[in-house]
C-alpha cells in the first residue's frame, strides 16, 4: 500500500512533535515536513507535495485560511485537515469554503486525527462529532428546522451535486464525475443553493448530513 505523506503545521513545537509521533506510529503514514508558520506551511507543501496537510488555524506570517487557499490553489489534490481548538460555526464554514475537508479539535487528537487523515487520503471528508453538532445546530431551531424537515424539492441531478459538493468536490471534479460541463455544474449549484437557502459549502454539508446523503 502506498504511504500517505503528511505535512504538519503548527506554531507550537510540542504540538508539532506530538502529532508527528502519533502519525509515525501508524502503518503507511509518513510525516514529510514540519512547519511553524503559515508561510512555511505553504512553501513546504509546494516543495513536498503531501497527500494531507494537518494545519493549525492560528499561526504567524500567514493565517490558516490564507494557507488553505494557497495550498489548494497550488496543489488541488492535496487535502487539508484543520487541527485547531474551540471550533465555531463561523470558523467551520470559512475553512470548508476555503477548501479544507475536515476539522478536528486538538482535544480529540487521539480519537479522530488518524481516522481523519486516512479518510482525507481517500479524498473523503471527515467530520468529528463536535463539528457535526455545530453544522447541524441551526437546523434545530426556528424556520430552518421547519424548512429542512420537509426539505426542498431537488432534482436527481441537484441531489447528486449536493452529495459531491458535500464530499469536497470542486466544480471541475463534479463535472468530470457526472460527465457534464463546468458551466452546467455552476448553474445547478446556484439553483440548488437558492432552493436550500444556503450561501456556503458548509450549508450544503449541513443539508447533506441531515438528509443522510453523506455520513457525519
N, C-alpha and C. Protein backbone atom coordinates (compact mmCIF):
# COMPACT_ATOMS: atom_id res chain seq x y z
N UNK A 1 0.85 -1.20 0.00
CA UNK A 1 0.00 0.00 0.00
C UNK A 1 0.89 1.25 0.00
N UNK A 2 0.50 2.22 -0.79
CA UNK A 2 1.25 3.46 -0.89
C UNK A 2 1.22 4.23 0.42
N UNK A 3 2.37 4.77 0.82
CA UNK A 3 2.43 5.59 2.02
C UNK A 3 1.64 6.88 1.83
N UNK A 4 0.97 7.31 2.88
CA UNK A 4 0.28 8.60 2.89
C UNK A 4 1.24 9.61 3.51
N UNK A 5 1.58 10.65 2.75
CA UNK A 5 2.57 11.63 3.18
C UNK A 5 1.83 12.83 3.79
N UNK A 6 2.25 13.18 5.02
CA UNK A 6 1.53 14.19 5.79
C UNK A 6 2.47 15.33 6.17
N UNK A 7 2.01 16.55 5.95
CA UNK A 7 2.72 17.74 6.40
C UNK A 7 2.00 18.28 7.63
N UNK A 8 2.74 18.55 8.69
CA UNK A 8 2.16 19.04 9.94
C UNK A 8 2.58 20.49 10.15
N UNK A 9 1.60 21.37 10.34
CA UNK A 9 1.88 22.80 10.51
C UNK A 9 1.21 23.32 11.78
N UNK A 10 2.02 23.74 12.74
CA UNK A 10 1.53 24.30 14.00
C UNK A 10 2.64 25.14 14.60
N UNK A 11 2.29 26.27 15.20
CA UNK A 11 3.35 27.15 15.72
C UNK A 11 3.85 26.73 17.10
N UNK A 12 3.26 25.69 17.69
CA UNK A 12 3.74 25.19 18.97
C UNK A 12 4.54 23.91 18.75
N UNK A 13 5.81 23.95 19.15
CA UNK A 13 6.69 22.81 18.90
C UNK A 13 6.18 21.53 19.55
N UNK A 14 5.67 21.63 20.76
CA UNK A 14 5.20 20.44 21.45
C UNK A 14 4.04 19.79 20.71
N UNK A 15 3.19 20.61 20.09
CA UNK A 15 2.07 20.07 19.31
C UNK A 15 2.59 19.41 18.04
N UNK A 16 3.51 20.09 17.34
CA UNK A 16 4.08 19.50 16.12
C UNK A 16 4.71 18.14 16.41
N UNK A 17 5.52 18.09 17.46
CA UNK A 17 6.22 16.86 17.76
C UNK A 17 5.25 15.76 18.21
N UNK A 18 4.23 16.15 18.97
CA UNK A 18 3.24 15.17 19.42
C UNK A 18 2.45 14.58 18.26
N UNK A 19 2.01 15.44 17.35
CA UNK A 19 1.27 14.97 16.17
C UNK A 19 2.17 14.11 15.30
N UNK A 20 3.41 14.55 15.13
CA UNK A 20 4.37 13.79 14.33
C UNK A 20 4.55 12.38 14.90
N UNK A 21 4.71 12.28 16.22
CA UNK A 21 4.90 10.98 16.87
C UNK A 21 3.66 10.10 16.69
N UNK A 22 2.48 10.70 16.82
CA UNK A 22 1.23 9.95 16.65
C UNK A 22 1.11 9.40 15.24
N UNK A 23 1.44 10.22 14.25
CA UNK A 23 1.35 9.79 12.85
C UNK A 23 2.37 8.72 12.53
N UNK A 24 3.60 8.92 12.97
CA UNK A 24 4.68 8.00 12.62
C UNK A 24 4.50 6.60 13.23
N UNK A 25 3.65 6.48 14.25
CA UNK A 25 3.39 5.17 14.84
C UNK A 25 2.44 4.33 13.99
N UNK A 26 1.81 4.98 12.99
CA UNK A 26 0.81 4.29 12.19
C UNK A 26 1.43 3.70 10.92
N UNK A 27 1.00 2.50 10.53
CA UNK A 27 1.50 1.93 9.27
C UNK A 27 1.04 2.76 8.08
N UNK A 28 1.95 2.94 7.13
CA UNK A 28 1.66 3.63 5.87
C UNK A 28 1.39 5.12 6.01
N UNK A 29 1.67 5.71 7.17
CA UNK A 29 1.58 7.16 7.33
C UNK A 29 2.98 7.69 7.59
N UNK A 30 3.39 8.70 6.82
CA UNK A 30 4.73 9.26 6.95
C UNK A 30 4.66 10.79 7.00
N UNK A 31 5.36 11.39 7.96
CA UNK A 31 5.44 12.85 8.03
C UNK A 31 6.52 13.31 7.05
N UNK A 32 6.13 14.17 6.11
CA UNK A 32 7.09 14.63 5.10
C UNK A 32 7.59 16.04 5.37
N UNK A 33 7.07 16.68 6.42
CA UNK A 33 7.54 18.02 6.75
C UNK A 33 6.86 18.58 7.98
N UNK A 34 7.55 19.50 8.66
CA UNK A 34 7.02 20.19 9.83
C UNK A 34 7.16 21.69 9.60
N UNK A 35 6.09 22.44 9.82
CA UNK A 35 6.11 23.88 9.61
C UNK A 35 5.64 24.60 10.87
N UNK A 36 6.28 25.74 11.17
CA UNK A 36 5.95 26.50 12.36
C UNK A 36 5.16 27.77 12.05
N UNK A 37 5.05 28.13 10.77
CA UNK A 37 4.30 29.33 10.37
C UNK A 37 3.44 29.00 9.15
N UNK A 38 2.49 29.89 8.89
CA UNK A 38 1.66 29.69 7.71
C UNK A 38 2.47 29.74 6.43
N UNK A 39 3.42 30.65 6.36
CA UNK A 39 4.26 30.76 5.16
C UNK A 39 5.10 29.51 4.96
N UNK A 40 5.66 28.97 6.05
CA UNK A 40 6.41 27.72 5.93
C UNK A 40 5.51 26.59 5.45
N UNK A 41 4.28 26.55 5.93
CA UNK A 41 3.35 25.50 5.52
C UNK A 41 3.10 25.56 4.02
N UNK A 42 2.88 26.76 3.51
CA UNK A 42 2.63 26.93 2.07
C UNK A 42 3.85 26.53 1.26
N UNK A 43 5.02 27.02 1.67
CA UNK A 43 6.25 26.72 0.92
C UNK A 43 6.59 25.23 0.97
N UNK A 44 6.47 24.61 2.16
CA UNK A 44 6.78 23.19 2.29
C UNK A 44 5.78 22.32 1.52
N UNK A 45 4.54 22.74 1.51
CA UNK A 45 3.53 21.98 0.76
C UNK A 45 3.88 21.98 -0.72
N UNK A 46 4.24 23.15 -1.24
CA UNK A 46 4.62 23.22 -2.66
C UNK A 46 5.86 22.38 -2.95
N UNK A 47 6.78 22.31 -1.98
CA UNK A 47 8.03 21.59 -2.19
C UNK A 47 7.85 20.07 -2.04
N UNK A 48 7.09 19.65 -1.03
CA UNK A 48 6.99 18.22 -0.72
C UNK A 48 5.76 17.54 -1.31
N UNK A 49 4.75 18.33 -1.70
CA UNK A 49 3.52 17.81 -2.31
C UNK A 49 2.91 16.68 -1.47
N UNK A 50 2.50 16.99 -0.25
CA UNK A 50 1.94 15.96 0.63
C UNK A 50 0.55 15.53 0.18
N UNK A 51 0.13 14.38 0.68
CA UNK A 51 -1.25 13.93 0.43
C UNK A 51 -2.22 14.68 1.33
N UNK A 52 -1.79 14.94 2.57
CA UNK A 52 -2.63 15.61 3.56
C UNK A 52 -1.79 16.63 4.33
N UNK A 53 -2.37 17.80 4.56
CA UNK A 53 -1.76 18.81 5.42
C UNK A 53 -2.60 18.93 6.68
N UNK A 54 -1.96 18.73 7.84
CA UNK A 54 -2.61 18.96 9.13
C UNK A 54 -2.23 20.37 9.56
N UNK A 55 -3.21 21.25 9.63
CA UNK A 55 -2.94 22.69 9.71
C UNK A 55 -3.65 23.36 10.88
N UNK A 56 -2.88 24.05 11.70
CA UNK A 56 -3.46 24.88 12.75
C UNK A 56 -3.98 26.17 12.13
N UNK A 57 -5.00 26.76 12.76
CA UNK A 57 -5.60 27.97 12.18
C UNK A 57 -4.91 29.26 12.60
N UNK A 58 -4.24 29.25 13.73
CA UNK A 58 -3.64 30.49 14.23
C UNK A 58 -2.13 30.37 14.24
N UNK A 59 -1.51 30.80 13.15
CA UNK A 59 -0.05 30.77 13.04
C UNK A 59 0.46 32.11 12.54
N UNK A 60 1.70 32.45 12.87
CA UNK A 60 2.26 33.71 12.37
C UNK A 60 2.54 33.66 10.87
N UNK A 61 2.69 34.85 10.31
CA UNK A 61 3.10 35.09 8.91
C UNK A 61 1.98 34.89 7.90
N UNK A 62 1.17 33.85 8.07
CA UNK A 62 0.02 33.66 7.18
C UNK A 62 -1.01 32.85 7.96
N UNK A 63 -2.24 33.38 8.08
CA UNK A 63 -3.21 32.66 8.90
C UNK A 63 -3.70 31.40 8.20
N UNK A 64 -4.46 30.60 8.93
CA UNK A 64 -4.89 29.31 8.41
C UNK A 64 -5.71 29.39 7.15
N UNK A 65 -6.63 30.35 7.09
CA UNK A 65 -7.49 30.47 5.91
C UNK A 65 -6.68 30.77 4.67
N UNK A 66 -5.74 31.70 4.78
CA UNK A 66 -4.90 32.04 3.64
C UNK A 66 -4.04 30.84 3.23
N UNK A 67 -3.53 30.12 4.22
CA UNK A 67 -2.70 28.94 3.92
C UNK A 67 -3.53 27.88 3.19
N UNK A 68 -4.75 27.65 3.64
CA UNK A 68 -5.61 26.66 2.97
C UNK A 68 -5.82 27.05 1.51
N UNK A 69 -6.19 28.31 1.28
CA UNK A 69 -6.47 28.76 -0.09
C UNK A 69 -5.25 28.61 -0.98
N UNK A 70 -4.08 29.01 -0.48
CA UNK A 70 -2.87 28.96 -1.31
C UNK A 70 -2.43 27.52 -1.57
N UNK A 71 -2.55 26.66 -0.56
CA UNK A 71 -2.18 25.26 -0.75
C UNK A 71 -3.10 24.59 -1.75
N UNK A 72 -4.41 24.83 -1.62
CA UNK A 72 -5.36 24.20 -2.54
C UNK A 72 -5.21 24.75 -3.96
N UNK A 73 -4.87 26.03 -4.07
CA UNK A 73 -4.65 26.60 -5.40
C UNK A 73 -3.45 25.98 -6.08
N UNK A 74 -2.37 25.79 -5.32
CA UNK A 74 -1.15 25.22 -5.89
C UNK A 74 -1.23 23.71 -6.04
N UNK A 75 -1.95 23.06 -5.11
CA UNK A 75 -1.99 21.59 -5.08
C UNK A 75 -3.43 21.12 -4.88
N UNK A 76 -4.23 21.12 -5.95
CA UNK A 76 -5.65 20.76 -5.82
C UNK A 76 -5.88 19.36 -5.25
N UNK A 77 -4.94 18.45 -5.46
CA UNK A 77 -5.13 17.07 -4.98
C UNK A 77 -4.70 16.88 -3.53
N UNK A 78 -4.05 17.86 -2.94
CA UNK A 78 -3.66 17.78 -1.54
C UNK A 78 -4.86 18.17 -0.67
N UNK A 79 -5.16 17.33 0.31
CA UNK A 79 -6.28 17.62 1.20
C UNK A 79 -5.78 18.31 2.46
N UNK A 80 -6.63 19.19 3.00
CA UNK A 80 -6.26 19.95 4.20
C UNK A 80 -7.17 19.58 5.36
N UNK A 81 -6.55 19.23 6.47
CA UNK A 81 -7.25 18.93 7.72
C UNK A 81 -6.94 20.04 8.71
N UNK A 82 -7.96 20.77 9.12
CA UNK A 82 -7.76 21.83 10.11
C UNK A 82 -7.74 21.19 11.49
N UNK A 83 -6.66 21.45 12.21
CA UNK A 83 -6.44 20.86 13.53
C UNK A 83 -6.30 22.01 14.50
N UNK A 84 -7.38 22.33 15.19
CA UNK A 84 -7.38 23.54 16.00
C UNK A 84 -8.28 23.36 17.21
N UNK A 85 -8.39 24.40 18.00
CA UNK A 85 -9.20 24.34 19.22
C UNK A 85 -10.44 25.20 19.07
N UNK A 86 -11.44 24.89 19.88
CA UNK A 86 -12.64 25.72 20.00
C UNK A 86 -13.29 26.03 18.65
N UNK A 87 -13.82 25.02 17.96
CA UNK A 87 -14.48 25.28 16.68
C UNK A 87 -15.76 26.09 16.86
N UNK A 88 -16.03 26.94 15.90
CA UNK A 88 -17.28 27.69 15.89
C UNK A 88 -17.92 27.49 14.52
N UNK A 89 -19.20 27.76 14.45
CA UNK A 89 -19.89 27.60 13.16
C UNK A 89 -19.26 28.49 12.09
N UNK A 90 -18.95 29.74 12.46
CA UNK A 90 -18.35 30.66 11.51
C UNK A 90 -17.01 30.14 10.99
N UNK A 91 -16.18 29.66 11.92
CA UNK A 91 -14.86 29.17 11.52
C UNK A 91 -14.98 27.93 10.63
N UNK A 92 -15.87 27.01 10.99
CA UNK A 92 -16.04 25.79 10.20
C UNK A 92 -16.50 26.14 8.79
N UNK A 93 -17.45 27.05 8.67
CA UNK A 93 -17.91 27.47 7.35
C UNK A 93 -16.76 28.07 6.55
N UNK A 94 -15.96 28.90 7.19
CA UNK A 94 -14.85 29.55 6.49
C UNK A 94 -13.80 28.54 6.01
N UNK A 95 -13.45 27.56 6.85
CA UNK A 95 -12.41 26.62 6.43
C UNK A 95 -12.91 25.68 5.34
N UNK A 96 -14.18 25.30 5.40
CA UNK A 96 -14.73 24.45 4.34
C UNK A 96 -14.80 25.22 3.02
N UNK A 97 -15.23 26.48 3.11
CA UNK A 97 -15.31 27.29 1.89
C UNK A 97 -13.92 27.56 1.31
N UNK A 98 -12.91 27.60 2.17
CA UNK A 98 -11.53 27.82 1.69
C UNK A 98 -10.97 26.58 1.01
N UNK A 99 -11.55 25.40 1.30
CA UNK A 99 -11.09 24.19 0.62
C UNK A 99 -10.72 23.03 1.53
N UNK A 100 -10.75 23.22 2.86
CA UNK A 100 -10.47 22.11 3.77
C UNK A 100 -11.65 21.14 3.76
N UNK A 101 -11.37 19.88 4.09
CA UNK A 101 -12.43 18.87 4.12
C UNK A 101 -12.61 18.25 5.50
N UNK A 102 -11.88 18.73 6.48
CA UNK A 102 -12.01 18.15 7.82
C UNK A 102 -11.61 19.17 8.86
N UNK A 103 -12.25 19.09 10.02
CA UNK A 103 -11.90 19.92 11.17
C UNK A 103 -11.88 19.01 12.39
N UNK A 104 -10.72 18.86 13.00
CA UNK A 104 -10.57 18.02 14.18
C UNK A 104 -10.07 18.88 15.33
N UNK A 105 -10.76 18.82 16.47
CA UNK A 105 -10.34 19.58 17.63
C UNK A 105 -9.10 18.94 18.24
N UNK A 106 -8.21 19.75 18.76
CA UNK A 106 -6.97 19.23 19.35
C UNK A 106 -7.25 18.31 20.53
N UNK A 107 -8.35 18.56 21.22
CA UNK A 107 -8.68 17.70 22.37
C UNK A 107 -9.09 16.30 21.93
N UNK A 108 -9.40 16.12 20.64
CA UNK A 108 -9.84 14.82 20.12
C UNK A 108 -8.77 14.16 19.25
N UNK A 109 -7.53 14.60 19.39
CA UNK A 109 -6.47 14.11 18.51
C UNK A 109 -6.33 12.59 18.55
N UNK A 110 -6.26 12.04 19.75
CA UNK A 110 -6.02 10.59 19.83
C UNK A 110 -7.18 9.78 19.30
N UNK A 111 -8.37 10.35 19.32
CA UNK A 111 -9.54 9.62 18.86
C UNK A 111 -9.79 9.78 17.36
N UNK A 112 -9.62 11.01 16.85
CA UNK A 112 -10.08 11.31 15.49
C UNK A 112 -9.00 11.60 14.46
N UNK A 113 -7.81 12.02 14.89
CA UNK A 113 -6.85 12.55 13.93
C UNK A 113 -6.43 11.52 12.89
N UNK A 114 -6.07 10.33 13.30
CA UNK A 114 -5.61 9.32 12.34
C UNK A 114 -6.74 8.90 11.41
N UNK A 115 -7.93 8.73 11.96
CA UNK A 115 -9.09 8.38 11.12
C UNK A 115 -9.34 9.46 10.08
N UNK A 116 -9.23 10.72 10.50
CA UNK A 116 -9.45 11.83 9.57
C UNK A 116 -8.39 11.85 8.47
N UNK A 117 -7.14 11.63 8.83
CA UNK A 117 -6.06 11.63 7.84
C UNK A 117 -6.29 10.52 6.81
N UNK A 118 -6.63 9.33 7.28
CA UNK A 118 -6.86 8.22 6.35
C UNK A 118 -8.07 8.48 5.46
N UNK A 119 -9.09 9.11 6.01
CA UNK A 119 -10.27 9.44 5.21
C UNK A 119 -9.91 10.46 4.12
N UNK A 120 -9.17 11.50 4.49
CA UNK A 120 -8.78 12.51 3.53
C UNK A 120 -7.83 11.95 2.48
N UNK A 121 -7.01 10.98 2.85
CA UNK A 121 -6.11 10.36 1.88
C UNK A 121 -6.88 9.69 0.75
N UNK A 122 -8.15 9.32 1.03
CA UNK A 122 -9.03 8.76 0.01
C UNK A 122 -9.96 9.82 -0.56
N UNK A 123 -9.66 11.09 -0.24
CA UNK A 123 -10.45 12.24 -0.71
C UNK A 123 -11.89 12.19 -0.21
N UNK A 124 -12.05 11.69 1.01
CA UNK A 124 -13.36 11.67 1.65
C UNK A 124 -13.33 12.62 2.84
N UNK A 125 -14.36 13.43 3.02
CA UNK A 125 -14.36 14.36 4.16
C UNK A 125 -14.52 13.60 5.47
N UNK A 126 -14.10 14.23 6.55
CA UNK A 126 -14.28 13.65 7.88
C UNK A 126 -14.80 14.73 8.81
N UNK A 127 -15.87 14.42 9.54
CA UNK A 127 -16.44 15.36 10.48
C UNK A 127 -16.41 14.74 11.87
N UNK A 128 -15.73 15.40 12.80
CA UNK A 128 -15.76 14.93 14.17
C UNK A 128 -17.16 15.13 14.73
N UNK A 129 -17.44 14.50 15.86
CA UNK A 129 -18.76 14.63 16.46
C UNK A 129 -19.09 16.08 16.76
N UNK A 130 -18.11 16.82 17.31
CA UNK A 130 -18.35 18.22 17.65
C UNK A 130 -18.62 19.05 16.41
N UNK A 131 -17.87 18.81 15.34
CA UNK A 131 -18.08 19.55 14.10
C UNK A 131 -19.46 19.28 13.54
N UNK A 132 -19.87 18.01 13.54
CA UNK A 132 -21.20 17.66 13.04
C UNK A 132 -22.28 18.35 13.86
N UNK A 133 -22.10 18.39 15.18
CA UNK A 133 -23.09 19.04 16.04
C UNK A 133 -23.21 20.52 15.71
N UNK A 134 -22.08 21.17 15.47
CA UNK A 134 -22.10 22.60 15.14
C UNK A 134 -22.76 22.83 13.79
N UNK A 135 -22.43 21.98 12.80
CA UNK A 135 -23.01 22.15 11.47
C UNK A 135 -24.53 21.96 11.49
N UNK A 136 -25.01 21.11 12.39
CA UNK A 136 -26.44 20.83 12.44
C UNK A 136 -27.20 21.74 13.40
N UNK A 137 -26.48 22.56 14.15
CA UNK A 137 -27.11 23.35 15.21
C UNK A 137 -28.24 24.24 14.69
N UNK A 138 -28.02 24.88 13.55
CA UNK A 138 -29.03 25.79 13.02
C UNK A 138 -30.34 25.08 12.67
N UNK A 139 -30.22 23.76 12.41
CA UNK A 139 -31.40 23.03 11.97
C UNK A 139 -32.32 22.66 13.12
N UNK A 140 -31.90 22.92 14.34
CA UNK A 140 -32.69 22.51 15.50
C UNK A 140 -33.64 23.58 15.99
N UNK A 141 -33.56 24.79 15.42
CA UNK A 141 -34.42 25.86 15.90
C UNK A 141 -35.00 26.66 14.74
N UNK A 142 -36.13 27.30 15.02
CA UNK A 142 -36.69 28.30 14.11
C UNK A 142 -37.11 27.78 12.76
N UNK A 143 -37.11 28.69 11.79
CA UNK A 143 -37.61 28.36 10.46
C UNK A 143 -36.72 27.38 9.74
N UNK A 144 -35.42 27.40 10.04
CA UNK A 144 -34.52 26.46 9.38
C UNK A 144 -34.95 25.04 9.66
N UNK A 145 -35.41 24.77 10.89
CA UNK A 145 -35.85 23.43 11.23
C UNK A 145 -37.09 23.05 10.44
N UNK A 146 -38.04 23.97 10.36
CA UNK A 146 -39.27 23.68 9.63
C UNK A 146 -39.00 23.48 8.15
N UNK A 147 -38.15 24.30 7.59
CA UNK A 147 -37.82 24.21 6.16
C UNK A 147 -37.12 22.91 5.85
N UNK A 148 -36.20 22.52 6.72
CA UNK A 148 -35.39 21.35 6.42
C UNK A 148 -36.12 20.04 6.71
N UNK A 149 -37.13 20.06 7.58
CA UNK A 149 -37.83 18.82 7.92
C UNK A 149 -38.46 18.23 6.67
N UNK A 150 -39.15 19.04 5.91
CA UNK A 150 -39.75 18.55 4.67
C UNK A 150 -38.71 18.50 3.57
N UNK A 151 -37.86 19.51 3.56
CA UNK A 151 -36.81 19.55 2.55
C UNK A 151 -37.32 20.12 1.25
N UNK A 152 -36.54 20.99 0.61
CA UNK A 152 -36.93 21.50 -0.70
C UNK A 152 -36.88 20.38 -1.72
N UNK A 153 -37.59 20.53 -2.80
CA UNK A 153 -37.62 19.51 -3.85
C UNK A 153 -36.44 19.72 -4.79
N UNK A 154 -35.46 18.84 -4.68
CA UNK A 154 -34.30 18.88 -5.57
C UNK A 154 -34.47 17.84 -6.66
N UNK A 155 -33.96 18.16 -7.83
CA UNK A 155 -33.96 17.17 -8.90
C UNK A 155 -32.91 16.10 -8.59
N UNK A 156 -32.97 14.99 -9.32
CA UNK A 156 -31.98 13.93 -9.14
C UNK A 156 -30.58 14.46 -9.37
N UNK A 157 -30.40 15.28 -10.41
CA UNK A 157 -29.09 15.84 -10.70
C UNK A 157 -28.63 16.76 -9.59
N UNK A 158 -29.52 17.60 -9.08
CA UNK A 158 -29.16 18.51 -7.99
C UNK A 158 -28.77 17.72 -6.74
N UNK A 159 -29.46 16.63 -6.48
CA UNK A 159 -29.13 15.80 -5.32
C UNK A 159 -27.74 15.20 -5.49
N UNK A 160 -27.40 14.75 -6.70
CA UNK A 160 -26.06 14.23 -6.96
C UNK A 160 -25.01 15.30 -6.70
N UNK A 161 -25.29 16.52 -7.13
CA UNK A 161 -24.32 17.60 -6.97
C UNK A 161 -24.19 17.99 -5.51
N UNK A 162 -25.31 17.98 -4.75
CA UNK A 162 -25.24 18.23 -3.31
C UNK A 162 -24.30 17.24 -2.65
N UNK A 163 -24.45 15.95 -2.99
CA UNK A 163 -23.61 14.92 -2.38
C UNK A 163 -22.14 15.15 -2.72
N UNK A 164 -21.85 15.45 -3.97
CA UNK A 164 -20.46 15.63 -4.40
C UNK A 164 -19.86 16.91 -3.81
N UNK A 165 -20.66 17.97 -3.71
CA UNK A 165 -20.18 19.20 -3.07
C UNK A 165 -19.85 18.95 -1.60
N UNK A 166 -20.75 18.23 -0.92
CA UNK A 166 -20.55 17.95 0.50
C UNK A 166 -19.34 17.06 0.73
N UNK A 167 -18.98 16.27 -0.27
CA UNK A 167 -17.79 15.42 -0.18
C UNK A 167 -16.52 16.17 -0.55
N UNK A 168 -16.67 17.46 -0.86
CA UNK A 168 -15.50 18.29 -1.11
C UNK A 168 -15.12 18.45 -2.57
N UNK A 169 -15.99 18.02 -3.48
CA UNK A 169 -15.67 18.11 -4.90
C UNK A 169 -15.70 19.54 -5.42
N UNK A 170 -14.76 19.87 -6.29
CA UNK A 170 -14.77 21.18 -6.96
C UNK A 170 -15.72 21.11 -8.15
N UNK A 171 -16.04 22.27 -8.73
CA UNK A 171 -16.90 22.28 -9.92
C UNK A 171 -16.30 21.42 -11.03
N UNK A 172 -14.99 21.52 -11.22
CA UNK A 172 -14.31 20.75 -12.27
C UNK A 172 -14.41 19.25 -12.00
N UNK A 173 -14.19 18.84 -10.74
CA UNK A 173 -14.27 17.42 -10.39
C UNK A 173 -15.68 16.88 -10.54
N UNK A 174 -16.67 17.68 -10.14
CA UNK A 174 -18.06 17.25 -10.26
C UNK A 174 -18.45 17.10 -11.73
N UNK A 175 -18.01 18.05 -12.55
CA UNK A 175 -18.30 17.98 -13.99
C UNK A 175 -17.73 16.70 -14.59
N UNK A 176 -16.50 16.36 -14.21
CA UNK A 176 -15.85 15.16 -14.74
C UNK A 176 -16.58 13.90 -14.26
N UNK A 177 -16.99 13.88 -12.99
CA UNK A 177 -17.67 12.72 -12.43
C UNK A 177 -19.03 12.48 -13.10
N UNK A 178 -19.75 13.56 -13.35
CA UNK A 178 -21.11 13.44 -13.90
C UNK A 178 -21.15 13.50 -15.43
N UNK A 179 -20.02 13.82 -16.04
CA UNK A 179 -19.98 13.90 -17.49
C UNK A 179 -20.74 15.08 -18.05
N UNK A 180 -20.70 16.21 -17.34
CA UNK A 180 -21.37 17.42 -17.80
C UNK A 180 -20.35 18.56 -17.79
N UNK A 181 -20.76 19.71 -18.32
CA UNK A 181 -19.83 20.83 -18.39
C UNK A 181 -19.73 21.55 -17.05
N UNK A 182 -18.62 22.25 -16.87
CA UNK A 182 -18.44 23.03 -15.64
C UNK A 182 -19.52 24.10 -15.53
N UNK A 183 -19.87 24.71 -16.65
CA UNK A 183 -20.93 25.73 -16.64
C UNK A 183 -22.26 25.15 -16.15
N UNK A 184 -22.56 23.91 -16.58
CA UNK A 184 -23.79 23.26 -16.14
C UNK A 184 -23.75 23.01 -14.63
N UNK A 185 -22.58 22.58 -14.13
CA UNK A 185 -22.43 22.39 -12.68
C UNK A 185 -22.67 23.70 -11.96
N UNK A 186 -22.09 24.78 -12.46
CA UNK A 186 -22.24 26.09 -11.82
C UNK A 186 -23.71 26.51 -11.76
N UNK A 187 -24.45 26.23 -12.87
CA UNK A 187 -25.87 26.58 -12.91
C UNK A 187 -26.66 25.78 -11.89
N UNK A 188 -26.43 24.46 -11.86
CA UNK A 188 -27.11 23.60 -10.88
C UNK A 188 -26.76 24.02 -9.46
N UNK A 189 -25.50 24.34 -9.24
CA UNK A 189 -25.04 24.72 -7.90
C UNK A 189 -25.76 25.97 -7.42
N UNK A 190 -25.85 26.97 -8.29
CA UNK A 190 -26.53 28.21 -7.91
C UNK A 190 -28.00 27.95 -7.61
N UNK A 191 -28.64 27.12 -8.45
CA UNK A 191 -30.06 26.82 -8.27
C UNK A 191 -30.32 26.07 -6.97
N UNK A 192 -29.52 25.04 -6.70
CA UNK A 192 -29.78 24.24 -5.51
C UNK A 192 -29.47 25.01 -4.23
N UNK A 193 -28.44 25.86 -4.26
CA UNK A 193 -28.13 26.65 -3.07
C UNK A 193 -29.25 27.65 -2.79
N UNK A 194 -29.86 28.16 -3.85
CA UNK A 194 -31.01 29.05 -3.67
C UNK A 194 -32.18 28.27 -3.06
N UNK A 195 -32.42 27.06 -3.56
CA UNK A 195 -33.51 26.24 -3.04
C UNK A 195 -33.30 25.90 -1.56
N UNK A 196 -32.04 25.61 -1.22
CA UNK A 196 -31.73 25.23 0.16
C UNK A 196 -31.65 26.43 1.09
N UNK A 197 -31.56 27.62 0.51
CA UNK A 197 -31.44 28.82 1.32
C UNK A 197 -30.10 28.93 2.03
N UNK A 198 -29.04 28.44 1.37
CA UNK A 198 -27.71 28.49 1.96
C UNK A 198 -26.79 29.32 1.06
N UNK A 199 -25.69 29.78 1.64
CA UNK A 199 -24.79 30.65 0.90
C UNK A 199 -23.34 30.16 0.93
N UNK A 200 -23.12 28.95 1.44
CA UNK A 200 -21.77 28.43 1.54
C UNK A 200 -21.79 26.91 1.43
N UNK A 201 -20.60 26.34 1.20
CA UNK A 201 -20.48 24.89 1.13
C UNK A 201 -20.86 24.26 2.47
N UNK A 202 -20.54 24.93 3.57
CA UNK A 202 -20.90 24.39 4.88
C UNK A 202 -22.40 24.21 5.01
N UNK A 203 -23.17 25.13 4.42
CA UNK A 203 -24.63 24.98 4.42
C UNK A 203 -25.07 23.76 3.65
N UNK A 204 -24.40 23.49 2.54
CA UNK A 204 -24.69 22.28 1.75
C UNK A 204 -24.33 21.04 2.56
N UNK A 205 -23.21 21.08 3.28
CA UNK A 205 -22.80 19.95 4.11
C UNK A 205 -23.86 19.67 5.18
N UNK A 206 -24.35 20.73 5.82
CA UNK A 206 -25.39 20.55 6.84
C UNK A 206 -26.60 19.83 6.25
N UNK A 207 -27.03 20.27 5.08
CA UNK A 207 -28.18 19.64 4.42
C UNK A 207 -27.89 18.18 4.10
N UNK A 208 -26.70 17.91 3.57
CA UNK A 208 -26.35 16.55 3.17
C UNK A 208 -26.31 15.61 4.37
N UNK A 209 -25.78 16.09 5.50
CA UNK A 209 -25.76 15.26 6.71
C UNK A 209 -27.18 15.02 7.21
N UNK A 210 -27.96 16.07 7.24
CA UNK A 210 -29.32 15.98 7.75
C UNK A 210 -30.15 14.97 6.95
N UNK A 211 -29.93 14.92 5.64
CA UNK A 211 -30.70 14.04 4.77
C UNK A 211 -29.96 12.76 4.41
N UNK A 212 -28.91 12.47 5.16
CA UNK A 212 -28.19 11.19 5.04
C UNK A 212 -27.61 10.98 3.64
N UNK A 213 -27.20 12.08 2.99
CA UNK A 213 -26.54 11.95 1.70
C UNK A 213 -25.06 11.65 1.88
N UNK A 214 -24.51 12.03 3.03
CA UNK A 214 -23.16 11.65 3.42
C UNK A 214 -23.19 11.29 4.88
N UNK A 215 -22.17 10.57 5.35
CA UNK A 215 -22.08 10.19 6.74
C UNK A 215 -21.32 11.27 7.53
N UNK A 216 -21.82 11.68 8.69
CA UNK A 216 -21.09 12.65 9.52
C UNK A 216 -19.87 12.01 10.14
